[in-house]
């Protein structure tokens, strides 16, 4: 049989933190890797669309604004 327990004492102080250790030696570099093989050439792309014919600015009977607007509409189509 045990007797009654006495009052609990105050909490103890925390101990000091330990010091940092010394820096270790520098590691060794690994060997250089080998160069891989050259890749294959890609496939040639499709042929582009034919360009629009040029025009002579002095010959064109339409105003310049109208020509640029129609040229823009052709590109959208």
Protein backbone atom coordinates (compact mmCIF):
# COMPACT_ATOMS: atom_id res chain seq x y z
CA UNK A 1 0.00 0.00 0.00
CA UNK A 2 1.26 3.45 -0.94
CA UNK A 3 0.77 6.67 0.81
CA UNK A 4 -0.51 9.88 -0.78
CA UNK A 5 1.77 11.55 -3.27
CA UNK A 6 3.27 14.92 -2.41
CA UNK A 7 2.90 18.09 -4.53
CA UNK A 8 4.71 18.14 -7.87
CA UNK A 9 7.81 20.33 -8.05
CA UNK A 10 8.47 23.01 -10.69
CA UNK A 11 9.57 21.99 -14.20
CA UNK A 12 13.33 21.72 -14.66
CA UNK A 13 15.37 23.97 -16.99
CA UNK A 14 16.09 22.85 -20.53
CA UNK A 15 19.65 21.79 -21.13
CA UNK A 16 22.01 23.68 -23.46
CA UNK A 17 21.94 22.83 -27.16
CA UNK A 18 24.97 20.98 -28.39
CA UNK A 19 27.45 22.73 -30.69
CA UNK A 20 27.51 22.11 -34.46
CA UNK A 21 29.97 19.54 -35.65
CA UNK A 22 32.87 20.32 -37.97
CA UNK A 23 32.40 20.42 -41.74
CA UNK A 24 33.28 17.14 -43.38
CA UNK A 25 35.75 16.73 -46.26
CA UNK A 26 34.73 17.65 -49.81
CA UNK A 27 33.31 14.79 -51.84
CA UNK A 28 34.90 13.37 -54.98
CA UNK A 29 33.51 14.33 -58.43
CA UNK A 30 32.07 11.51 -60.49
CA UNK A 31 33.39 10.59 -63.93
CA UNK A 32 32.06 12.38 -67.01
CA UNK A 33 29.29 10.56 -68.84
CA UNK A 34 29.48 9.40 -72.45
CA UNK A 35 27.96 11.36 -75.33
CA UNK A 36 24.90 9.67 -76.76
CA UNK A 37 24.45 8.80 -80.45
CA UNK A 38 23.29 11.43 -82.94
CA UNK A 39 19.54 11.42 -83.49
CA UNK A 40 17.88 10.64 -86.82
CA UNK A 41 16.91 13.47 -89.17
CA UNK A 42 13.25 14.42 -89.16
CA UNK A 43 10.87 13.83 -92.06
CA UNK A 44 10.69 16.54 -94.72
CA UNK A 45 7.60 18.70 -94.33
CA UNK A 46 4.88 19.21 -96.95
CA UNK A 47 5.27 21.75 -99.74
CA UNK A 48 3.83 25.17 -98.89
CA UNK A 49 1.00 26.91 -100.74
CA UNK A 50 1.75 29.02 -103.78
CA UNK A 51 2.04 32.71 -103.04
CA UNK A 52 -0.38 35.28 -104.40
CA UNK A 53 0.67 37.07 -107.58
CA UNK A 54 2.13 40.52 -107.14
CA UNK A 55 0.47 43.64 -108.48
CA UNK A 56 1.62 46.85 -110.03
CA UNK A 57 0.53 49.73 -107.83
CA UNK A 58 0.24 52.11 -110.78
CA UNK A 59 -1.84 49.63 -112.79
CA UNK A 60 -4.25 48.53 -110.05
CA UNK A 61 -7.56 50.40 -110.60
CA UNK A 62 -8.83 49.75 -107.09
CA UNK A 63 -7.98 51.93 -104.07
CA UNK A 64 -5.14 50.65 -101.91
CA UNK A 65 -7.42 50.16 -98.87
CA UNK A 66 -9.79 47.93 -100.83
CA UNK A 67 -6.94 45.76 -102.13
CA UNK A 68 -5.54 45.19 -98.64
CA UNK A 69 -9.01 44.35 -97.33
CA UNK A 70 -9.62 41.79 -100.10
CA UNK A 71 -6.12 40.36 -99.58
CA UNK A 72 -6.89 39.93 -95.87
CA UNK A 73 -10.19 38.18 -96.68
CA UNK A 74 -8.38 35.75 -99.01
CA UNK A 75 -6.03 34.80 -96.18
CA UNK A 76 -8.96 34.06 -93.87
CA UNK A 77 -10.44 31.66 -96.43
